[in-house]
Amino acid sequence: MVRIISHFLFACFEVFAVEVLFSAVAKKKLERKFHILVMSAAIVLNTLSSYFLTGTGLTLLIMSTVIALAFGLSYKVKPFFAIIGGVVYTIIAGASEMIAVLLTGFILGEETLSFMENDYIFAGMGFICKFIAFIITYFIS
């Protein structure tokens, strides 16, 4: 249950970080209620893909593509630039995941696969990762 809740909160945090990135570049083209609907759909798809595809290596790519296309629908951005925004966020998220895993492994002094099985360490490490990605995205935008 902790993993499901944490995946949902991770998805919310990612969508908010990409919202900051896209809002610095483009204007919204949808009304507020449709924008919230599209972002909610992105959060649901992101949560489902990250929960069911954890450990496959495709998770980050799929999540960033879904979020980028959702923002391509919500903002006055061509689909090509939405994909580029998704790639930029994928690079940021990948770097922040590496930083979070290395710092957690360094602090705990354990092998990375052993602490990934603990739900609470996974949730804490995920929140640190998403926070680092948000900070980097905020400074870029």
C-alpha atoms as a PDB file:
ATOM      1  CA  MET A   1       0.000   0.000   0.000  1.00  0.00           C
ATOM      2  CA  VAL A   2       2.891   2.334   0.738  1.00  0.00           C
ATOM      3  CA  ARG A   3       4.265   1.796  -2.769  1.00  0.00           C
ATOM      4  CA  ILE A   4       0.938   2.593  -4.430  1.00  0.00           C
ATOM      5  CA  ILE A   5       0.559   5.816  -2.455  1.00  0.00           C
ATOM      6  CA  SER A   6       4.168   6.773  -3.097  1.00  0.00           C
ATOM      7  CA  HIS A   7       3.846   6.116  -6.842  1.00  0.00           C
ATOM      8  CA  PHE A   8       0.754   8.341  -6.913  1.00  0.00           C
ATOM      9  CA  LEU A   9       2.549  11.138  -5.044  1.00  0.00           C
ATOM     10  CA  PHE A  10       5.608  10.731  -7.299  1.00  0.00           C
ATOM     11  CA  ALA A  11       3.354  11.153 -10.341  1.00  0.00           C
ATOM     12  CA  CYS A  12       1.786  14.297  -8.857  1.00  0.00           C
ATOM     13  CA  PHE A  13       5.214  15.735  -8.130  1.00  0.00           C
ATOM     14  CA  GLU A  14       6.445  14.958 -11.661  1.00  0.00           C
ATOM     15  CA  VAL A  15       3.431  16.547 -13.302  1.00  0.00           C
ATOM     16  CA  PHE A  16       3.883  19.646 -11.135  1.00  0.00           C
ATOM     17  CA  ALA A  17       7.585  19.857 -12.059  1.00  0.00           C
ATOM     18  CA  VAL A  18       6.838  19.582 -15.768  1.00  0.00           C
ATOM     19  CA  GLU A  19       4.062  22.158 -15.279  1.00  0.00           C
ATOM     20  CA  VAL A  20       6.702  24.577 -14.019  1.00  0.00           C
ATOM     21  CA  LEU A  21       8.922  23.783 -17.011  1.00  0.00           C
ATOM     22  CA  PHE A  22       6.193  24.249 -19.629  1.00  0.00           C
ATOM     23  CA  SER A  23       4.586  27.286 -18.004  1.00  0.00           C
ATOM     24  CA  ALA A  24       7.884  29.140 -18.329  1.00  0.00           C
ATOM     25  CA  VAL A  25       7.955  28.488 -22.078  1.00  0.00           C
ATOM     26  CA  ALA A  26       4.360  28.571 -23.338  1.00  0.00           C
ATOM     27  CA  LYS A  27       0.837  29.759 -22.591  1.00  0.00           C
ATOM     28  CA  LYS A  28      -2.084  27.509 -21.703  1.00  0.00           C
ATOM     29  CA  LYS A  29      -4.534  26.848 -24.502  1.00  0.00           C
ATOM     30  CA  LEU A  30      -7.145  24.901 -22.530  1.00  0.00           C
ATOM     31  CA  GLU A  31      -9.598  26.159 -19.977  1.00  0.00           C
ATOM     32  CA  ARG A  32      -8.812  25.484 -16.346  1.00  0.00           C
ATOM     33  CA  LYS A  33     -11.173  22.514 -15.931  1.00  0.00           C
ATOM     34  CA  PHE A  34      -9.927  20.810 -19.107  1.00  0.00           C
ATOM     35  CA  HIS A  35      -6.340  21.487 -18.082  1.00  0.00           C
ATOM     36  CA  ILE A  36      -6.983  19.836 -14.710  1.00  0.00           C
ATOM     37  CA  LEU A  37      -8.659  16.905 -16.477  1.00  0.00           C
ATOM     38  CA  VAL A  38      -5.688  16.354 -18.804  1.00  0.00           C
ATOM     39  CA  MET A  39      -3.217  16.637 -15.913  1.00  0.00           C
ATOM     40  CA  SER A  40      -5.275  14.188 -13.844  1.00  0.00           C
ATOM     41  CA  ALA A  41      -5.216  11.716 -16.727  1.00  0.00           C
ATOM     42  CA  ALA A  42      -1.441  12.145 -16.959  1.00  0.00           C
ATOM     43  CA  ILE A  43      -1.131  11.492 -13.224  1.00  0.00           C
ATOM     44  CA  VAL A  44      -3.253   8.332 -13.457  1.00  0.00           C
ATOM     45  CA  LEU A  45      -1.342   6.984 -16.469  1.00  0.00           C
ATOM     46  CA  ASN A  46       1.961   7.877 -14.831  1.00  0.00           C
ATOM     47  CA  THR A  47       0.971   6.125 -11.609  1.00  0.00           C
ATOM     48  CA  LEU A  48      -0.168   2.991 -13.407  1.00  0.00           C
ATOM     49  CA  SER A  49       2.889   2.787 -15.628  1.00  0.00           C
ATOM     50  CA  SER A  50       5.318   3.379 -12.782  1.00  0.00           C
ATOM     51  CA  TYR A  51       3.590   0.818 -10.552  1.00  0.00           C
ATOM     52  CA  PHE A  52       3.307  -1.944 -13.135  1.00  0.00           C
ATOM     53  CA  LEU A  53       6.554  -1.310 -15.019  1.00  0.00           C
ATOM     54  CA  THR A  54       8.881  -0.714 -12.050  1.00  0.00           C
ATOM     55  CA  GLY A  55      12.308  -2.170 -12.718  1.00  0.00           C
ATOM     56  CA  THR A  56      11.874  -2.566 -16.470  1.00  0.00           C
ATOM     57  CA  GLY A  57      13.977   0.416 -17.472  1.00  0.00           C
ATOM     58  CA  LEU A  58      11.211   1.773 -19.693  1.00  0.00           C
ATOM     59  CA  THR A  59       9.344   3.438 -16.860  1.00  0.00           C
ATOM     60  CA  LEU A  60      11.065   6.810 -17.004  1.00  0.00           C
ATOM     61  CA  LEU A  61      10.795   7.013 -20.792  1.00  0.00           C
ATOM     62  CA  ILE A  62       7.119   6.079 -20.848  1.00  0.00           C
ATOM     63  CA  MET A  63       6.234   8.432 -18.007  1.00  0.00           C
ATOM     64  CA  SER A  64       8.019  11.407 -19.512  1.00  0.00           C
ATOM     65  CA  THR A  65       6.465  10.782 -22.931  1.00  0.00           C
ATOM     66  CA  VAL A  66       2.964  10.587 -21.467  1.00  0.00           C
ATOM     67  CA  ILE A  67       3.481  13.761 -19.454  1.00  0.00           C
ATOM     68  CA  ALA A  68       5.039  15.589 -22.412  1.00  0.00           C
ATOM     69  CA  LEU A  69       2.148  14.705 -24.696  1.00  0.00           C
ATOM     70  CA  ALA A  70      -0.341  15.765 -22.033  1.00  0.00           C
ATOM     71  CA  PHE A  71       1.394  19.106 -21.766  1.00  0.00           C
ATOM     72  CA  GLY A  72       1.511  19.333 -25.550  1.00  0.00           C
ATOM     73  CA  LEU A  73      -2.291  19.138 -25.462  1.00  0.00           C
ATOM     74  CA  SER A  74      -2.605  21.669 -22.643  1.00  0.00           C
ATOM     75  CA  TYR A  75      -0.173  24.331 -23.802  1.00  0.00           C
ATOM     76  CA  LYS A  76       0.371  26.171 -27.075  1.00  0.00           C
ATOM     77  CA  VAL A  77       3.330  23.986 -27.944  1.00  0.00           C
ATOM     78  CA  LYS A  78       3.938  21.962 -31.070  1.00  0.00           C
ATOM     79  CA  PRO A  79       4.159  18.193 -30.420  1.00  0.00           C
ATOM     80  CA  PHE A  80       7.841  18.216 -31.397  1.00  0.00           C
ATOM     81  CA  PHE A  81       8.664  20.749 -28.692  1.00  0.00           C
ATOM     82  CA  ALA A  82       6.515  18.853 -26.198  1.00  0.00           C
ATOM     83  CA  ILE A  83       8.604  15.751 -26.896  1.00  0.00           C
ATOM     84  CA  ILE A  84      11.799  17.807 -26.486  1.00  0.00           C
ATOM     85  CA  GLY A  85      10.448  19.077 -23.155  1.00  0.00           C
ATOM     86  CA  GLY A  86       9.781  15.475 -22.181  1.00  0.00           C
ATOM     87  CA  VAL A  87      13.327  14.508 -23.129  1.00  0.00           C
ATOM     88  CA  VAL A  88      14.735  17.400 -21.094  1.00  0.00           C
ATOM     89  CA  TYR A  89      12.686  16.346 -18.097  1.00  0.00           C
ATOM     90  CA  THR A  90      13.726  12.701 -18.627  1.00  0.00           C
ATOM     91  CA  ILE A  91      17.377  13.722 -18.457  1.00  0.00           C
ATOM     92  CA  ILE A  92      16.730  15.757 -15.324  1.00  0.00           C
ATOM     93  CA  ALA A  93      14.741  12.938 -13.694  1.00  0.00           C
ATOM     94  CA  GLY A  94      17.378  10.348 -14.614  1.00  0.00           C
ATOM     95  CA  ALA A  95      20.134  12.462 -13.126  1.00  0.00           C
ATOM     96  CA  SER A  96      18.137  13.080  -9.957  1.00  0.00           C
ATOM     97  CA  GLU A  97      17.412   9.346  -9.611  1.00  0.00           C
ATOM     98  CA  MET A  98      21.099   8.554  -9.886  1.00  0.00           C
ATOM     99  CA  ILE A  99      21.924  11.198  -7.280  1.00  0.00           C
ATOM    100  CA  ALA A 100      19.219   9.908  -4.914  1.00  0.00           C
ATOM    101  CA  VAL A 101      20.268   6.251  -5.276  1.00  0.00           C
ATOM    102  CA  LEU A 102      23.949   7.048  -4.798  1.00  0.00           C
ATOM    103  CA  LEU A 103      23.299   9.255  -1.756  1.00  0.00           C
ATOM    104  CA  THR A 104      20.983   6.686  -0.188  1.00  0.00           C
ATOM    105  CA  GLY A 105      23.484   3.899  -0.781  1.00  0.00           C
ATOM    106  CA  PHE A 106      26.256   6.051   0.646  1.00  0.00           C
ATOM    107  CA  ILE A 107      24.260   7.004   3.747  1.00  0.00           C
ATOM    108  CA  LEU A 108      22.940   3.501   4.437  1.00  0.00           C
ATOM    109  CA  GLY A 109      26.158   1.773   3.435  1.00  0.00           C
ATOM    110  CA  GLU A 110      24.266  -1.051   1.750  1.00  0.00           C
ATOM    111  CA  GLU A 111      23.944  -2.439  -1.726  1.00  0.00           C
ATOM    112  CA  THR A 112      21.314  -0.620  -3.796  1.00  0.00           C
ATOM    113  CA  LEU A 113      19.201  -3.694  -4.499  1.00  0.00           C
ATOM    114  CA  SER A 114      18.811  -4.498  -0.815  1.00  0.00           C
ATOM    115  CA  PHE A 115      17.332  -1.159   0.212  1.00  0.00           C
ATOM    116  CA  MET A 116      15.010  -0.969  -2.810  1.00  0.00           C
ATOM    117  CA  GLU A 117      12.959  -3.801  -1.278  1.00  0.00           C
ATOM    118  CA  ASN A 118      12.064  -1.733   1.794  1.00  0.00           C
ATOM    119  CA  ASP A 119       8.913   0.276   1.038  1.00  0.00           C
ATOM    120  CA  TYR A 120       9.687   3.163   3.364  1.00  0.00           C
ATOM    121  CA  ILE A 121      13.226   3.657   2.090  1.00  0.00           C
ATOM    122  CA  PHE A 122      11.851   3.452  -1.460  1.00  0.00           C
ATOM    123  CA  ALA A 123       9.274   6.154  -0.684  1.00  0.00           C
ATOM    124  CA  GLY A 124      11.806   8.427   1.024  1.00  0.00           C
ATOM    125  CA  MET A 125      14.323   7.988  -1.751  1.00  0.00           C
ATOM    126  CA  GLY A 126      11.620   8.687  -4.344  1.00  0.00           C
ATOM    127  CA  PHE A 127      10.591  11.910  -2.642  1.00  0.00           C
ATOM    128  CA  ILE A 128      14.201  13.046  -2.497  1.00  0.00           C
ATOM    129  CA  CYS A 129      14.577  12.190  -6.177  1.00  0.00           C
ATOM    130  CA  LYS A 130      11.460  14.106  -7.220  1.00  0.00           C
ATOM    131  CA  PHE A 131      12.441  17.074  -5.058  1.00  0.00           C
ATOM    132  CA  ILE A 132      15.892  17.220  -6.688  1.00  0.00           C
ATOM    133  CA  ALA A 133      14.237  17.028 -10.127  1.00  0.00           C
ATOM    134  CA  PHE A 134      11.856  19.843  -9.160  1.00  0.00           C
ATOM    135  CA  ILE A 135      14.698  22.061  -7.934  1.00  0.00           C
ATOM    136  CA  ILE A 136      16.686  21.505 -11.129  1.00  0.00           C
ATOM    137  CA  THR A 137      13.582  22.122 -13.278  1.00  0.00           C
ATOM    138  CA  TYR A 138      12.744  25.272 -11.348  1.00  0.00           C
ATOM    139  CA  PHE A 139      16.225  26.709 -11.880  1.00  0.00           C
ATOM    140  CA  ILE A 140      16.203  25.797 -15.581  1.00  0.00           C
ATOM    141  CA  SER A 141      12.849  27.473 -16.135  1.00  0.00           C
END
